[in-house]
Amino acid sequence: MSDVNNNTEQKKDELNTFLFLTIFLAPFLAVAIVGVLGFSIWFSQLIMGPPGV
């Protein structure tokens, strides 16, 4: 019986981890990566000038 309880508890933990990754972590990382890329391009153009100049 404890094996069944352990299995359901493990599935619940896996579901919670999946939901955390898909609802919170993935969007946050996507926004952070795009923001860092945009900031680095903006800052490099601030120092070196726009492309083609």
PDB file of N, CA and C in Angstrom:
ATOM      1  N   MET A   1       0.826  -1.202   0.000  1.00  0.00           N
ATOM      2  CA  MET A   1       0.000   0.000   0.000  1.00  0.00           C
ATOM      3  C   MET A   1       0.863   1.256   0.000  1.00  0.00           C
ATOM      4  N   SER A   2       2.002   1.205   0.682  1.00  0.00           N
ATOM      5  CA  SER A   2       2.847   2.395   0.733  1.00  0.00           C
ATOM      6  C   SER A   2       3.473   2.679  -0.630  1.00  0.00           C
ATOM      7  N   ASP A   3       3.610   1.615  -1.442  1.00  0.00           N
ATOM      8  CA  ASP A   3       4.151   1.812  -2.790  1.00  0.00           C
ATOM      9  C   ASP A   3       3.178   2.627  -3.645  1.00  0.00           C
ATOM     10  N   VAL A   4       1.888   2.391  -3.475  1.00  0.00           N
ATOM     11  CA  VAL A   4       0.871   3.145  -4.215  1.00  0.00           C
ATOM     12  C   VAL A   4       0.873   4.602  -3.756  1.00  0.00           C
ATOM     13  N   ASN A   5       0.957   4.823  -2.435  1.00  0.00           N
ATOM     14  CA  ASN A   5       0.995   6.188  -1.907  1.00  0.00           C
ATOM     15  C   ASN A   5       2.242   6.918  -2.384  1.00  0.00           C
ATOM     16  N   ASN A   6       3.370   6.198  -2.404  1.00  0.00           N
ATOM     17  CA  ASN A   6       4.625   6.794  -2.847  1.00  0.00           C
ATOM     18  C   ASN A   6       4.541   7.157  -4.326  1.00  0.00           C
ATOM     19  N   ASN A   7       3.896   6.301  -5.120  1.00  0.00           N
ATOM     20  CA  ASN A   7       3.766   6.549  -6.553  1.00  0.00           C
ATOM     21  C   ASN A   7       2.888   7.771  -6.824  1.00  0.00           C
ATOM     22  N   THR A   8       1.777   7.889  -6.108  1.00  0.00           N
ATOM     23  CA  THR A   8       0.900   9.040  -6.308  1.00  0.00           C
ATOM     24  C   THR A   8       1.575  10.323  -5.823  1.00  0.00           C
ATOM     25  N   GLU A   9       2.333  10.218  -4.745  1.00  0.00           N
ATOM     26  CA  GLU A   9       3.057  11.397  -4.250  1.00  0.00           C
ATOM     27  C   GLU A   9       4.133  11.822  -5.247  1.00  0.00           C
ATOM     28  N   GLN A  10       4.795  10.852  -5.865  1.00  0.00           N
ATOM     29  CA  GLN A  10       5.816  11.162  -6.855  1.00  0.00           C
ATOM     30  C   GLN A  10       5.183  11.819  -8.087  1.00  0.00           C
ATOM     31  N   LYS A  11       4.038  11.308  -8.520  1.00  0.00           N
ATOM     32  CA  LYS A  11       3.351  11.905  -9.667  1.00  0.00           C
ATOM     33  C   LYS A  11       2.900  13.332  -9.352  1.00  0.00           C
ATOM     34  N   LYS A  12       2.449  13.566  -8.129  1.00  0.00           N
ATOM     35  CA  LYS A  12       2.041  14.901  -7.727  1.00  0.00           C
ATOM     36  C   LYS A  12       3.235  15.850  -7.735  1.00  0.00           C
ATOM     37  N   ASP A  13       4.373  15.381  -7.237  1.00  0.00           N
ATOM     38  CA  ASP A  13       5.583  16.201  -7.253  1.00  0.00           C
ATOM     39  C   ASP A  13       6.022  16.503  -8.686  1.00  0.00           C
ATOM     40  N   GLU A  14       5.944  15.505  -9.559  1.00  0.00           N
ATOM     41  CA  GLU A  14       6.323  15.711 -10.959  1.00  0.00           C
ATOM     42  C   GLU A  14       5.388  16.711 -11.639  1.00  0.00           C
ATOM     43  N   LEU A  15       4.094  16.631 -11.346  1.00  0.00           N
ATOM     44  CA  LEU A  15       3.134  17.573 -11.920  1.00  0.00           C
ATOM     45  C   LEU A  15       3.414  18.989 -11.430  1.00  0.00           C
ATOM     46  N   ASN A  16       3.685  19.137 -10.132  1.00  0.00           N
ATOM     47  CA  ASN A  16       3.990  20.461  -9.587  1.00  0.00           C
ATOM     48  C   ASN A  16       5.262  21.034 -10.216  1.00  0.00           C
ATOM     49  N   THR A  17       6.263  20.200 -10.397  1.00  0.00           N
ATOM     50  CA  THR A  17       7.504  20.652 -11.030  1.00  0.00           C
ATOM     51  C   THR A  17       7.261  21.058 -12.472  1.00  0.00           C
ATOM     52  N   PHE A  18       6.490  20.261 -13.201  1.00  0.00           N
ATOM     53  CA  PHE A  18       6.172  20.581 -14.595  1.00  0.00           C
ATOM     54  C   PHE A  18       5.417  21.901 -14.691  1.00  0.00           C
ATOM     55  N   LEU A  19       4.425  22.079 -13.825  1.00  0.00           N
ATOM     56  CA  LEU A  19       3.651  23.319 -13.853  1.00  0.00           C
ATOM     57  C   LEU A  19       4.516  24.532 -13.513  1.00  0.00           C
ATOM     58  N   PHE A  20       5.404  24.378 -12.540  1.00  0.00           N
ATOM     59  CA  PHE A  20       6.310  25.476 -12.189  1.00  0.00           C
ATOM     60  C   PHE A  20       7.205  25.835 -13.365  1.00  0.00           C
ATOM     61  N   LEU A  21       7.745  24.820 -14.033  1.00  0.00           N
ATOM     62  CA  LEU A  21       8.634  25.077 -15.167  1.00  0.00           C
ATOM     63  C   LEU A  21       7.906  25.738 -16.324  1.00  0.00           C
ATOM     64  N   THR A  22       6.702  25.275 -16.633  1.00  0.00           N
ATOM     65  CA  THR A  22       6.000  25.791 -17.809  1.00  0.00           C
ATOM     66  C   THR A  22       5.298  27.119 -17.554  1.00  0.00           C
ATOM     67  N   ILE A  23       4.832  27.359 -16.334  1.00  0.00           N
ATOM     68  CA  ILE A  23       4.072  28.582 -16.062  1.00  0.00           C
ATOM     69  C   ILE A  23       4.983  29.720 -15.607  1.00  0.00           C
ATOM     70  N   PHE A  24       6.017  29.417 -14.848  1.00  0.00           N
ATOM     71  CA  PHE A  24       6.847  30.478 -14.280  1.00  0.00           C
ATOM     72  C   PHE A  24       8.245  30.552 -14.896  1.00  0.00           C
ATOM     73  N   LEU A  25       8.960  29.466 -14.895  1.00  0.00           N
ATOM     74  CA  LEU A  25      10.375  29.525 -15.260  1.00  0.00           C
ATOM     75  C   LEU A  25      10.592  29.763 -16.750  1.00  0.00           C
ATOM     76  N   ALA A  26       9.900  29.055 -17.613  1.00  0.00           N
ATOM     77  CA  ALA A  26      10.119  29.209 -19.056  1.00  0.00           C
ATOM     78  C   ALA A  26       9.784  30.623 -19.548  1.00  0.00           C
ATOM     79  N   PRO A  27       8.635  31.193 -19.186  1.00  0.00           N
ATOM     80  CA  PRO A  27       8.369  32.581 -19.633  1.00  0.00           C
ATOM     81  C   PRO A  27       9.365  33.579 -19.046  1.00  0.00           C
ATOM     82  N   PHE A  28       9.734  33.394 -17.791  1.00  0.00           N
ATOM     83  CA  PHE A  28      10.699  34.307 -17.175  1.00  0.00           C
ATOM     84  C   PHE A  28      12.039  34.238 -17.899  1.00  0.00           C
ATOM     85  N   LEU A  29      12.505  33.032 -18.202  1.00  0.00           N
ATOM     86  CA  LEU A  29      13.770  32.897 -18.911  1.00  0.00           C
ATOM     87  C   LEU A  29      13.690  33.477 -20.317  1.00  0.00           C
ATOM     88  N   ALA A  30      12.583  33.277 -20.995  1.00  0.00           N
ATOM     89  CA  ALA A  30      12.426  33.827 -22.348  1.00  0.00           C
ATOM     90  C   ALA A  30      12.486  35.353 -22.322  1.00  0.00           C
ATOM     91  N   VAL A  31      11.775  35.974 -21.400  1.00  0.00           N
ATOM     92  CA  VAL A  31      11.782  37.429 -21.298  1.00  0.00           C
ATOM     93  C   VAL A  31      13.167  37.926 -20.896  1.00  0.00           C
ATOM     94  N   ALA A  32      13.818  37.226 -19.980  1.00  0.00           N
ATOM     95  CA  ALA A  32      15.146  37.639 -19.536  1.00  0.00           C
ATOM     96  C   ALA A  32      16.165  37.537 -20.665  1.00  0.00           C
ATOM     97  N   ILE A  33      16.113  36.466 -21.439  1.00  0.00           N
ATOM     98  CA  ILE A  33      17.076  36.295 -22.536  1.00  0.00           C
ATOM     99  C   ILE A  33      16.867  37.364 -23.606  1.00  0.00           C
ATOM    100  N   VAL A  34      15.621  37.611 -23.969  1.00  0.00           N
ATOM    101  CA  VAL A  34      15.338  38.643 -24.973  1.00  0.00           C
ATOM    102  C   VAL A  34      15.735  40.020 -24.443  1.00  0.00           C
ATOM    103  N   GLY A  35      15.485  40.273 -23.177  1.00  0.00           N
ATOM    104  CA  GLY A  35      15.856  41.557 -22.581  1.00  0.00           C
ATOM    105  C   GLY A  35      17.355  41.764 -22.550  1.00  0.00           C
ATOM    106  N   VAL A  36      18.088  40.731 -22.176  1.00  0.00           N
ATOM    107  CA  VAL A  36      19.554  40.837 -22.137  1.00  0.00           C
ATOM    108  C   VAL A  36      20.108  41.032 -23.542  1.00  0.00           C
ATOM    109  N   LEU A  37      19.566  40.305 -24.504  1.00  0.00           N
ATOM    110  CA  LEU A  37      20.022  40.462 -25.889  1.00  0.00           C
ATOM    111  C   LEU A  37      19.739  41.876 -26.395  1.00  0.00           C
ATOM    112  N   GLY A  38      18.542  42.374 -26.163  1.00  0.00           N
ATOM    113  CA  GLY A  38      18.205  43.732 -26.586  1.00  0.00           C
ATOM    114  C   GLY A  38      19.060  44.784 -25.906  1.00  0.00           C
ATOM    115  N   PHE A  39      19.293  44.613 -24.611  1.00  0.00           N
ATOM    116  CA  PHE A  39      20.128  45.569 -23.887  1.00  0.00           C
ATOM    117  C   PHE A  39      21.558  45.548 -24.395  1.00  0.00           C
ATOM    118  N   SER A  40      22.088  44.359 -24.666  1.00  0.00           N
ATOM    119  CA  SER A  40      23.468  44.273 -25.145  1.00  0.00           C
ATOM    120  C   SER A  40      23.607  44.895 -26.530  1.00  0.00           C
ATOM    121  N   ILE A  41      22.624  44.704 -27.402  1.00  0.00           N
ATOM    122  CA  ILE A  41      22.665  45.338 -28.721  1.00  0.00           C
ATOM    123  C   ILE A  41      22.542  46.855 -28.581  1.00  0.00           C
ATOM    124  N   TRP A  42      21.635  47.319 -27.762  1.00  0.00           N
ATOM    125  CA  TRP A  42      21.467  48.755 -27.552  1.00  0.00           C
ATOM    126  C   TRP A  42      22.744  49.375 -26.993  1.00  0.00           C
ATOM    127  N   PHE A  43      23.344  48.724 -26.016  1.00  0.00           N
ATOM    128  CA  PHE A  43      24.544  49.268 -25.393  1.00  0.00           C
ATOM    129  C   PHE A  43      25.722  49.259 -26.357  1.00  0.00           C
ATOM    130  N   SER A  44      25.842  48.192 -27.161  1.00  0.00           N
ATOM    131  CA  SER A  44      26.938  48.158 -28.135  1.00  0.00           C
ATOM    132  C   SER A  44      26.758  49.252 -29.190  1.00  0.00           C
ATOM    133  N   GLN A  45      25.524  49.530 -29.585  1.00  0.00           N
ATOM    134  CA  GLN A  45      25.287  50.607 -30.546  1.00  0.00           C
ATOM    135  C   GLN A  45      25.498  51.974 -29.903  1.00  0.00           C
ATOM    136  N   LEU A  46      25.277  52.075 -28.618  1.00  0.00           N
ATOM    137  CA  LEU A  46      25.534  53.320 -27.913  1.00  0.00           C
ATOM    138  C   LEU A  46      27.024  53.631 -27.924  1.00  0.00           C
ATOM    139  N   ILE A  47      27.845  52.610 -27.781  1.00  0.00           N
ATOM    140  CA  ILE A  47      29.298  52.800 -27.743  1.00  0.00           C
ATOM    141  C   ILE A  47      29.890  52.895 -29.151  1.00  0.00           C
ATOM    142  N   MET A  48      29.507  51.987 -30.054  1.00  0.00           N
ATOM    143  CA  MET A  48      30.150  51.900 -31.370  1.00  0.00           C
ATOM    144  C   MET A  48      29.372  52.612 -32.474  1.00  0.00           C
ATOM    145  N   GLY A  49      28.189  53.055 -32.212  1.00  0.00           N
ATOM    146  CA  GLY A  49      27.376  53.701 -33.230  1.00  0.00           C
ATOM    147  C   GLY A  49      26.505  52.682 -33.936  1.00  0.00           C
ATOM    148  N   PRO A  50      25.537  53.165 -34.686  1.00  0.00           N
ATOM    149  CA  PRO A  50      24.644  52.245 -35.379  1.00  0.00           C
ATOM    150  C   PRO A  50      25.384  51.460 -36.463  1.00  0.00           C
ATOM    151  N   PRO A  51      24.817  50.353 -36.919  1.00  0.00           N
ATOM    152  CA  PRO A  51      25.471  49.567 -37.956  1.00  0.00           C
ATOM    153  C   PRO A  51      25.596  50.362 -39.263  1.00  0.00           C
ATOM    154  N   GLY A  52      26.704  50.181 -39.921  1.00  0.00           N
ATOM    155  CA  GLY A  52      26.915  50.842 -41.196  1.00  0.00           C
ATOM    156  C   GLY A  52      27.511  52.235 -41.094  1.00  0.00           C
ATOM    157  N   VAL A  53      27.830  52.691 -39.894  1.00  0.00           N
ATOM    158  CA  VAL A  53      28.404  54.039 -39.744  1.00  0.00           C
ATOM    159  C   VAL A  53      29.898  53.923 -39.590  1.00  0.00           C
TER     160      VAL A  53
END
